[in-house]
């Protein structure tokens, strides 16, 4: 089942993407110093729409340029932490 993802920040719109299982999308952005910039996404599949902030400056700025790889579960998105596992969050 495809997932339609639309992500944007205050300054950028990263477009609408349709992905299937095990596919990925990628976008790059540069947070503006002294301006808290978040990237929020809507994710729609199976007739339901969910929302989540994939980048929150206060939460993620110290992760550096390796941030952020996510995978989706019905309960919410999970941030991949490399070989140590993942950190899952509920939908907004």
PDB file of N, CA and C in Angstrom:
ATOM      1  N   UNK A   1       0.838  -1.166   0.000  1.00  0.00           N
ATOM      2  CA  UNK A   1       0.000   0.000   0.000  1.00  0.00           C
ATOM      3  C   UNK A   1       0.895   1.244   0.000  1.00  0.00           C
ATOM      4  N   UNK A   2       0.714   2.145  -0.958  1.00  0.00           N
ATOM      5  CA  UNK A   2       1.560   3.345  -1.002  1.00  0.00           C
ATOM      6  C   UNK A   2       1.251   4.308   0.142  1.00  0.00           C
ATOM      7  N   UNK A   3       2.269   5.046   0.523  1.00  0.00           N
ATOM      8  CA  UNK A   3       2.152   6.092   1.536  1.00  0.00           C
ATOM      9  C   UNK A   3       2.451   7.415   0.841  1.00  0.00           C
ATOM     10  N   UNK A   4       1.565   8.387   0.997  1.00  0.00           N
ATOM     11  CA  UNK A   4       1.786   9.714   0.439  1.00  0.00           C
ATOM     12  C   UNK A   4       2.325  10.603   1.549  1.00  0.00           C
ATOM     13  N   UNK A   5       3.500  11.185   1.299  1.00  0.00           N
ATOM     14  CA  UNK A   5       4.195  11.978   2.307  1.00  0.00           C
ATOM     15  C   UNK A   5       4.398  13.393   1.777  1.00  0.00           C
ATOM     16  N   UNK A   6       4.057  14.372   2.589  1.00  0.00           N
ATOM     17  CA  UNK A   6       4.300  15.771   2.243  1.00  0.00           C
ATOM     18  C   UNK A   6       4.975  16.438   3.429  1.00  0.00           C
ATOM     19  N   UNK A   7       6.189  16.941   3.214  1.00  0.00           N
ATOM     20  CA  UNK A   7       6.954  17.576   4.282  1.00  0.00           C
ATOM     21  C   UNK A   7       7.262  19.022   3.920  1.00  0.00           C
ATOM     22  N   UNK A   8       7.278  19.873   4.945  1.00  0.00           N
ATOM     23  CA  UNK A   8       7.612  21.279   4.734  1.00  0.00           C
ATOM     24  C   UNK A   8       8.132  21.876   6.036  1.00  0.00           C
ATOM     25  N   UNK A   9       8.835  22.982   5.878  1.00  0.00           N
ATOM     26  CA  UNK A   9       9.274  23.783   7.014  1.00  0.00           C
ATOM     27  C   UNK A   9       8.744  25.191   6.785  1.00  0.00           C
ATOM     28  N   UNK A  10       9.091  26.088   7.671  1.00  0.00           N
ATOM     29  CA  UNK A  10       8.668  27.475   7.500  1.00  0.00           C
ATOM     30  C   UNK A  10       9.224  28.049   6.190  1.00  0.00           C
ATOM     31  N   UNK A  11      10.440  27.639   5.828  1.00  0.00           N
ATOM     32  CA  UNK A  11      11.117  28.209   4.660  1.00  0.00           C
ATOM     33  C   UNK A  11      11.034  27.356   3.402  1.00  0.00           C
ATOM     34  N   UNK A  12      10.776  26.062   3.523  1.00  0.00           N
ATOM     35  CA  UNK A  12      10.854  25.158   2.372  1.00  0.00           C
ATOM     36  C   UNK A  12       9.653  24.232   2.303  1.00  0.00           C
ATOM     37  N   UNK A  13       9.282  23.889   1.066  1.00  0.00           N
ATOM     38  CA  UNK A  13       8.289  22.845   0.818  1.00  0.00           C
ATOM     39  C   UNK A  13       9.029  21.742   0.076  1.00  0.00           C
ATOM     40  N   UNK A  14       9.069  20.558   0.644  1.00  0.00           N
ATOM     41  CA  UNK A  14       9.844  19.465   0.069  1.00  0.00           C
ATOM     42  C   UNK A  14       9.032  18.603  -0.884  1.00  0.00           C
ATOM     43  N   UNK A  15       7.809  18.997  -1.155  1.00  0.00           N
ATOM     44  CA  UNK A  15       6.992  18.320  -2.154  1.00  0.00           C
ATOM     45  C   UNK A  15       6.240  17.121  -1.607  1.00  0.00           C
ATOM     46  N   UNK A  16       5.396  16.588  -2.485  1.00  0.00           N
ATOM     47  CA  UNK A  16       4.585  15.415  -2.167  1.00  0.00           C
ATOM     48  C   UNK A  16       5.235  14.206  -2.819  1.00  0.00           C
ATOM     49  N   UNK A  17       5.390  13.135  -2.055  1.00  0.00           N
ATOM     50  CA  UNK A  17       6.026  11.914  -2.547  1.00  0.00           C
ATOM     51  C   UNK A  17       5.137  10.720  -2.226  1.00  0.00           C
ATOM     52  N   UNK A  18       5.056   9.802  -3.161  1.00  0.00           N
ATOM     53  CA  UNK A  18       4.336   8.552  -2.928  1.00  0.00           C
ATOM     54  C   UNK A  18       5.369   7.436  -2.884  1.00  0.00           C
ATOM     55  N   UNK A  19       5.405   6.708  -1.776  1.00  0.00           N
ATOM     56  CA  UNK A  19       6.395   5.644  -1.613  1.00  0.00           C
ATOM     57  C   UNK A  19       5.692   4.339  -1.263  1.00  0.00           C
ATOM     58  N   UNK A  20       6.359   3.244  -1.573  1.00  0.00           N
ATOM     59  CA  UNK A  20       5.852   1.920  -1.228  1.00  0.00           C
ATOM     60  C   UNK A  20       6.778   1.318  -0.176  1.00  0.00           C
ATOM     61  N   UNK A  21       6.383   0.205   0.373  1.00  0.00           N
ATOM     62  CA  UNK A  21       7.146  -0.457   1.430  1.00  0.00           C
ATOM     63  C   UNK A  21       8.618  -0.581   1.047  1.00  0.00           C
ATOM     64  N   UNK A  22       9.469  -0.260   1.995  1.00  0.00           N
ATOM     65  CA  UNK A  22      10.926  -0.328   1.888  1.00  0.00           C
ATOM     66  C   UNK A  22      11.522   0.727   0.966  1.00  0.00           C
ATOM     67  N   UNK A  23      10.696   1.646   0.461  1.00  0.00           N
ATOM     68  CA  UNK A  23      11.215   2.758  -0.331  1.00  0.00           C
ATOM     69  C   UNK A  23      11.541   3.906   0.615  1.00  0.00           C
ATOM     70  N   UNK A  24      12.246   4.898   0.100  1.00  0.00           N
ATOM     71  CA  UNK A  24      12.546   6.042   0.950  1.00  0.00           C
ATOM     72  C   UNK A  24      12.507   7.327   0.144  1.00  0.00           C
ATOM     73  N   UNK A  25      12.393   8.428   0.857  1.00  0.00           N
ATOM     74  CA  UNK A  25      12.538   9.743   0.253  1.00  0.00           C
ATOM     75  C   UNK A  25      13.641  10.447   1.014  1.00  0.00           C
ATOM     76  N   UNK A  26      14.246  11.409   0.367  1.00  0.00           N
ATOM     77  CA  UNK A  26      15.324  12.151   1.014  1.00  0.00           C
ATOM     78  C   UNK A  26      15.197  13.611   0.642  1.00  0.00           C
ATOM     79  N   UNK A  27      15.425  14.465   1.611  1.00  0.00           N
ATOM     80  CA  UNK A  27      15.519  15.885   1.332  1.00  0.00           C
ATOM     81  C   UNK A  27      16.547  16.474   2.272  1.00  0.00           C
ATOM     82  N   UNK A  28      17.155  17.548   1.831  1.00  0.00           N
ATOM     83  CA  UNK A  28      18.181  18.219   2.615  1.00  0.00           C
ATOM     84  C   UNK A  28      17.706  19.626   2.950  1.00  0.00           C
ATOM     85  N   UNK A  29      18.056  20.060   4.127  1.00  0.00           N
ATOM     86  CA  UNK A  29      17.809  21.445   4.491  1.00  0.00           C
ATOM     87  C   UNK A  29      18.855  21.861   5.500  1.00  0.00           C
ATOM     88  N   UNK A  30      19.043  23.145   5.598  1.00  0.00           N
ATOM     89  CA  UNK A  30      20.018  23.693   6.527  1.00  0.00           C
ATOM     90  C   UNK A  30      19.273  24.548   7.543  1.00  0.00           C
ATOM     91  N   UNK A  31      19.211  24.113   8.804  1.00  0.00           N
ATOM     92  CA  UNK A  31      18.560  24.948   9.813  1.00  0.00           C
ATOM     93  C   UNK A  31      19.229  26.319   9.896  1.00  0.00           C
ATOM     94  N   UNK A  32      18.437  27.330  10.094  1.00  0.00           N
ATOM     95  CA  UNK A  32      18.942  28.696  10.178  1.00  0.00           C
ATOM     96  C   UNK A  32      19.338  28.977  11.628  1.00  0.00           C
ATOM     97  N   UNK A  33      20.614  29.353  11.858  1.00  0.00           N
ATOM     98  CA  UNK A  33      21.050  29.625  13.230  1.00  0.00           C
ATOM     99  C   UNK A  33      20.162  30.682  13.898  1.00  0.00           C
ATOM    100  N   UNK A  34      19.914  30.495  15.162  1.00  0.00           N
ATOM    101  CA  UNK A  34      19.107  31.388  15.993  1.00  0.00           C
ATOM    102  C   UNK A  34      17.630  31.406  15.623  1.00  0.00           C
ATOM    103  N   UNK A  35      17.228  30.579  14.673  1.00  0.00           N
ATOM    104  CA  UNK A  35      15.816  30.478  14.309  1.00  0.00           C
ATOM    105  C   UNK A  35      15.405  29.024  14.450  1.00  0.00           C
ATOM    106  N   UNK A  36      14.514  28.761  15.336  1.00  0.00           N
ATOM    107  CA  UNK A  36      14.054  27.389  15.542  1.00  0.00           C
ATOM    108  C   UNK A  36      13.208  26.976  14.349  1.00  0.00           C
ATOM    109  N   UNK A  37      13.716  26.050  13.564  1.00  0.00           N
ATOM    110  CA  UNK A  37      13.007  25.616  12.362  1.00  0.00           C
ATOM    111  C   UNK A  37      12.656  24.139  12.485  1.00  0.00           C
ATOM    112  N   UNK A  38      11.400  23.835  12.331  1.00  0.00           N
ATOM    113  CA  UNK A  38      10.929  22.461  12.392  1.00  0.00           C
ATOM    114  C   UNK A  38      10.508  22.016  11.002  1.00  0.00           C
ATOM    115  N   UNK A  39      10.605  20.712  10.746  1.00  0.00           N
ATOM    116  CA  UNK A  39      10.109  20.129   9.499  1.00  0.00           C
ATOM    117  C   UNK A  39       8.968  19.207   9.878  1.00  0.00           C
ATOM    118  N   UNK A  40       7.785  19.521   9.368  1.00  0.00           N
ATOM    119  CA  UNK A  40       6.632  18.683   9.680  1.00  0.00           C
ATOM    120  C   UNK A  40       6.152  17.977   8.427  1.00  0.00           C
ATOM    121  N   UNK A  41       5.583  16.799   8.637  1.00  0.00           N
ATOM    122  CA  UNK A  41       5.140  15.967   7.522  1.00  0.00           C
ATOM    123  C   UNK A  41       3.741  15.431   7.780  1.00  0.00           C
ATOM    124  N   UNK A  42       2.997  15.314   6.702  1.00  0.00           N
ATOM    125  CA  UNK A  42       1.745  14.561   6.749  1.00  0.00           C
ATOM    126  C   UNK A  42       2.004  13.257   6.013  1.00  0.00           C
ATOM    127  N   UNK A  43       1.431  12.182   6.517  1.00  0.00           N
ATOM    128  CA  UNK A  43       1.612  10.860   5.926  1.00  0.00           C
ATOM    129  C   UNK A  43       0.247  10.206   5.817  1.00  0.00           C
ATOM    130  N   UNK A  44      -0.110   9.830   4.601  1.00  0.00           N
ATOM    131  CA  UNK A  44      -1.443   9.291   4.364  1.00  0.00           C
ATOM    132  C   UNK A  44      -1.356   7.912   3.736  1.00  0.00           C
ATOM    133  N   UNK A  45      -2.091   6.969   4.320  1.00  0.00           N
ATOM    134  CA  UNK A  45      -2.232   5.642   3.727  1.00  0.00           C
ATOM    135  C   UNK A  45      -3.485   4.996   4.287  1.00  0.00           C
ATOM    136  N   UNK A  46      -4.077   4.143   3.514  1.00  0.00           N
ATOM    137  CA  UNK A  46      -5.265   3.418   3.959  1.00  0.00           C
ATOM    138  C   UNK A  46      -6.413   4.321   4.378  1.00  0.00           C
ATOM    139  N   UNK A  47      -6.517   5.500   3.770  1.00  0.00           N
ATOM    140  CA  UNK A  47      -7.604   6.411   4.094  1.00  0.00           C
ATOM    141  C   UNK A  47      -7.409   7.210   5.371  1.00  0.00           C
ATOM    142  N   UNK A  48      -6.255   7.096   6.005  1.00  0.00           N
ATOM    143  CA  UNK A  48      -5.973   7.845   7.229  1.00  0.00           C
ATOM    144  C   UNK A  48      -4.790   8.776   7.006  1.00  0.00           C
ATOM    145  N   UNK A  49      -4.830   9.936   7.637  1.00  0.00           N
ATOM    146  CA  UNK A  49      -3.728  10.891   7.569  1.00  0.00           C
ATOM    147  C   UNK A  49      -3.165  11.083   8.970  1.00  0.00           C
ATOM    148  N   UNK A  50      -1.840  11.020   9.064  1.00  0.00           N
ATOM    149  CA  UNK A  50      -1.137  11.212  10.329  1.00  0.00           C
ATOM    150  C   UNK A  50      -0.134  12.347  10.146  1.00  0.00           C
ATOM    151  N   UNK A  51       0.222  12.986  11.254  1.00  0.00           N
ATOM    152  CA  UNK A  51       1.152  14.113  11.219  1.00  0.00           C
ATOM    153  C   UNK A  51       2.271  13.888  12.225  1.00  0.00           C
ATOM    154  N   UNK A  52       3.465  14.369  11.844  1.00  0.00           N
ATOM    155  CA  UNK A  52       4.600  14.266  12.756  1.00  0.00           C
ATOM    156  C   UNK A  52       5.670  15.265  12.340  1.00  0.00           C
ATOM    157  N   UNK A  53       6.356  15.839  13.315  1.00  0.00           N
ATOM    158  CA  UNK A  53       7.491  16.724  13.056  1.00  0.00           C
ATOM    159  C   UNK A  53       8.748  15.863  12.989  1.00  0.00           C
ATOM    160  N   UNK A  54       9.276  15.653  11.781  1.00  0.00           N
ATOM    161  CA  UNK A  54      10.446  14.785  11.622  1.00  0.00           C
ATOM    162  C   UNK A  54      11.735  15.471  12.056  1.00  0.00           C
ATOM    163  N   UNK A  55      11.710  16.794  12.111  1.00  0.00           N
ATOM    164  CA  UNK A  55      12.857  17.529  12.646  1.00  0.00           C
ATOM    165  C   UNK A  55      12.328  18.653  13.526  1.00  0.00           C
ATOM    166  N   UNK A  56      12.727  18.637  14.780  1.00  0.00           N
ATOM    167  CA  UNK A  56      12.437  19.720  15.718  1.00  0.00           C
ATOM    168  C   UNK A  56      13.785  20.229  16.197  1.00  0.00           C
ATOM    169  N   UNK A  57      14.028  21.498  15.973  1.00  0.00           N
ATOM    170  CA  UNK A  57      15.338  22.061  16.270  1.00  0.00           C
ATOM    171  C   UNK A  57      15.796  21.739  17.692  1.00  0.00           C
ATOM    172  N   UNK A  58      14.958  21.962  18.681  1.00  0.00           N
ATOM    173  CA  UNK A  58      15.350  21.705  20.075  1.00  0.00           C
ATOM    174  C   UNK A  58      15.668  20.235  20.324  1.00  0.00           C
ATOM    175  N   UNK A  59      14.965  19.341  19.634  1.00  0.00           N
ATOM    176  CA  UNK A  59      15.144  17.903  19.844  1.00  0.00           C
ATOM    177  C   UNK A  59      16.319  17.352  19.031  1.00  0.00           C
ATOM    178  N   UNK A  60      16.518  17.863  17.821  1.00  0.00           N
ATOM    179  CA  UNK A  60      17.401  17.196  16.863  1.00  0.00           C
ATOM    180  C   UNK A  60      18.669  17.940  16.477  1.00  0.00           C
ATOM    181  N   UNK A  61      18.833  19.198  16.860  1.00  0.00           N
ATOM    182  CA  UNK A  61      19.958  19.983  16.342  1.00  0.00           C
ATOM    183  C   UNK A  61      21.321  19.406  16.708  1.00  0.00           C
ATOM    184  N   UNK A  62      21.425  18.706  17.820  1.00  0.00           N
ATOM    185  CA  UNK A  62      22.715  18.151  18.232  1.00  0.00           C
ATOM    186  C   UNK A  62      23.063  16.836  17.540  1.00  0.00           C
ATOM    187  N   UNK A  63      22.168  16.327  16.698  1.00  0.00           N
ATOM    188  CA  UNK A  63      22.446  15.081  15.970  1.00  0.00           C
ATOM    189  C   UNK A  63      23.377  15.315  14.783  1.00  0.00           C
ATOM    190  N   UNK A  64      23.570  16.553  14.373  1.00  0.00           N
ATOM    191  CA  UNK A  64      24.452  16.865  13.261  1.00  0.00           C
ATOM    192  C   UNK A  64      23.831  16.508  11.924  1.00  0.00           C
ATOM    193  N   UNK A  65      24.668  16.378  10.920  1.00  0.00           N
ATOM    194  CA  UNK A  65      24.209  16.139   9.552  1.00  0.00           C
ATOM    195  C   UNK A  65      23.702  14.729   9.310  1.00  0.00           C
ATOM    196  N   UNK A  66      23.874  13.818  10.258  1.00  0.00           N
ATOM    197  CA  UNK A  66      23.412  12.451  10.038  1.00  0.00           C
ATOM    198  C   UNK A  66      21.920  12.297  10.303  1.00  0.00           C
ATOM    199  N   UNK A  67      21.300  13.314  10.873  1.00  0.00           N
ATOM    200  CA  UNK A  67      19.876  13.262  11.163  1.00  0.00           C
ATOM    201  C   UNK A  67      19.118  13.351   9.847  1.00  0.00           C
ATOM    202  N   UNK A  68      18.170  12.755   9.600  1.00  0.00           N
ATOM    203  CA  UNK A  68      17.354  11.884  10.406  1.00  0.00           C
ATOM    204  C   UNK A  68      16.789  10.806   9.490  1.00  0.00           C
ATOM    205  N   UNK A  69      16.891   9.585   9.831  1.00  0.00           N
ATOM    206  CA  UNK A  69      16.297   8.485   9.068  1.00  0.00           C
ATOM    207  C   UNK A  69      15.175   7.890   9.903  1.00  0.00           C
ATOM    208  N   UNK A  70      14.018   7.728   9.268  1.00  0.00           N
ATOM    209  CA  UNK A  70      12.816   7.268   9.951  1.00  0.00           C
ATOM    210  C   UNK A  70      12.213   6.076   9.235  1.00  0.00           C
ATOM    211  N   UNK A  71      11.478   5.256   9.982  1.00  0.00           N
ATOM    212  CA  UNK A  71      10.582   4.280   9.368  1.00  0.00           C
ATOM    213  C   UNK A  71       9.233   4.425  10.053  1.00  0.00           C
ATOM    214  N   UNK A  72       8.187   3.959   9.374  1.00  0.00           N
ATOM    215  CA  UNK A  72       6.828   4.170   9.870  1.00  0.00           C
ATOM    216  C   UNK A  72       6.217   2.893  10.407  1.00  0.00           C
ATOM    217  N   UNK A  73       5.513   3.036  11.517  1.00  0.00           N
ATOM    218  CA  UNK A  73       4.684   1.978  12.086  1.00  0.00           C
ATOM    219  C   UNK A  73       3.275   2.538  12.212  1.00  0.00           C
ATOM    220  N   UNK A  74       2.298   1.671  12.378  1.00  0.00           N
ATOM    221  CA  UNK A  74       0.927   2.156  12.556  1.00  0.00           C
ATOM    222  C   UNK A  74       0.813   3.072  13.770  1.00  0.00           C
ATOM    223  N   UNK A  75       1.558   2.780  14.830  1.00  0.00           N
ATOM    224  CA  UNK A  75       1.476   3.564  16.066  1.00  0.00           C
ATOM    225  C   UNK A  75       2.215   4.893  15.977  1.00  0.00           C
ATOM    226  N   UNK A  76       3.146   5.025  15.018  1.00  0.00           N
ATOM    227  CA  UNK A  76       3.897   6.263  14.878  1.00  0.00           C
ATOM    228  C   UNK A  76       5.236   6.045  14.203  1.00  0.00           C
ATOM    229  N   UNK A  77       5.951   7.124  13.898  1.00  0.00           N
ATOM    230  CA  UNK A  77       7.252   7.029  13.238  1.00  0.00           C
ATOM    231  C   UNK A  77       8.363   6.686  14.235  1.00  0.00           C
ATOM    232  N   UNK A  78       9.412   6.046  13.713  1.00  0.00           N
ATOM    233  CA  UNK A  78      10.549   5.648  14.542  1.00  0.00           C
ATOM    234  C   UNK A  78      11.835   6.202  13.945  1.00  0.00           C
ATOM    235  N   UNK A  79      12.616   6.875  14.767  1.00  0.00           N
ATOM    236  CA  UNK A  79      13.907   7.420  14.375  1.00  0.00           C
ATOM    237  C   UNK A  79      14.944   6.309  14.462  1.00  0.00           C
ATOM    238  N   UNK A  80      15.675   6.090  13.385  1.00  0.00           N
ATOM    239  CA  UNK A  80      16.720   5.060  13.370  1.00  0.00           C
ATOM    240  C   UNK A  80      17.963   5.615  14.060  1.00  0.00           C
ATOM    241  N   UNK A  81      18.435   4.901  15.067  1.00  0.00           N
ATOM    242  CA  UNK A  81      19.594   5.326  15.846  1.00  0.00           C
ATOM    243  C   UNK A  81      20.845   4.531  15.492  1.00  0.00           C
ATOM    244  N   UNK A  82      20.872   3.928  14.322  1.00  0.00           N
ATOM    245  CA  UNK A  82      22.019   3.135  13.913  1.00  0.00           C
ATOM    246  C   UNK A  82      21.973   1.751  14.523  1.00  0.00           C
ATOM    247  N   UNK A  83      23.140   1.181  14.822  1.00  0.00           N
ATOM    248  CA  UNK A  83      23.177  -0.196  15.310  1.00  0.00           C
ATOM    249  C   UNK A  83      22.546  -0.389  16.688  1.00  0.00           C
ATOM    250  N   UNK A  84      22.277   0.705  17.398  1.00  0.00           N
ATOM    251  CA  UNK A  84      21.699   0.547  18.738  1.00  0.00           C
ATOM    252  C   UNK A  84      20.181   0.453  18.721  1.00  0.00           C
ATOM    253  N   UNK A  85      19.560   0.624  17.564  1.00  0.00           N
ATOM    254  CA  UNK A  85      18.114   0.455  17.493  1.00  0.00           C
ATOM    255  C   UNK A  85      17.384   1.670  16.977  1.00  0.00           C
ATOM    256  N   UNK A  86      16.211   1.913  17.548  1.00  0.00           N
ATOM    257  CA  UNK A  86      15.371   3.014  17.091  1.00  0.00           C
ATOM    258  C   UNK A  86      14.611   3.610  18.273  1.00  0.00           C
ATOM    259  N   UNK A  87      14.088   4.798  18.048  1.00  0.00           N
ATOM    260  CA  UNK A  87      13.309   5.509  19.050  1.00  0.00           C
ATOM    261  C   UNK A  87      11.981   5.880  18.412  1.00  0.00           C
ATOM    262  N   UNK A  88      10.887   5.310  18.920  1.00  0.00           N
ATOM    263  CA  UNK A  88       9.574   5.512  18.311  1.00  0.00           C
ATOM    264  C   UNK A  88       8.782   6.575  19.060  1.00  0.00           C
ATOM    265  N   UNK A  89       7.993   7.307  18.297  1.00  0.00           N
ATOM    266  CA  UNK A  89       7.162   8.390  18.818  1.00  0.00           C
ATOM    267  C   UNK A  89       5.718   8.154  18.399  1.00  0.00           C
ATOM    268  N   UNK A  90       4.760   8.704  19.155  1.00  0.00           N
ATOM    269  CA  UNK A  90       3.362   8.632  18.719  1.00  0.00           C
ATOM    270  C   UNK A  90       3.095   9.703  17.661  1.00  0.00           C
ATOM    271  N   UNK A  91       2.049   9.502  16.871  1.00  0.00           N
ATOM    272  CA  UNK A  91       1.621  10.528  15.920  1.00  0.00           C
ATOM    273  C   UNK A  91       1.166  11.757  16.686  1.00  0.00           C
ATOM    274  N   UNK A  92       1.200  12.914  16.043  1.00  0.00           N
ATOM    275  CA  UNK A  92       0.688  14.150  16.653  1.00  0.00           C
ATOM    276  C   UNK A  92      -0.815  14.097  16.708  1.00  0.00           C
TER     277      UNK A  92
END
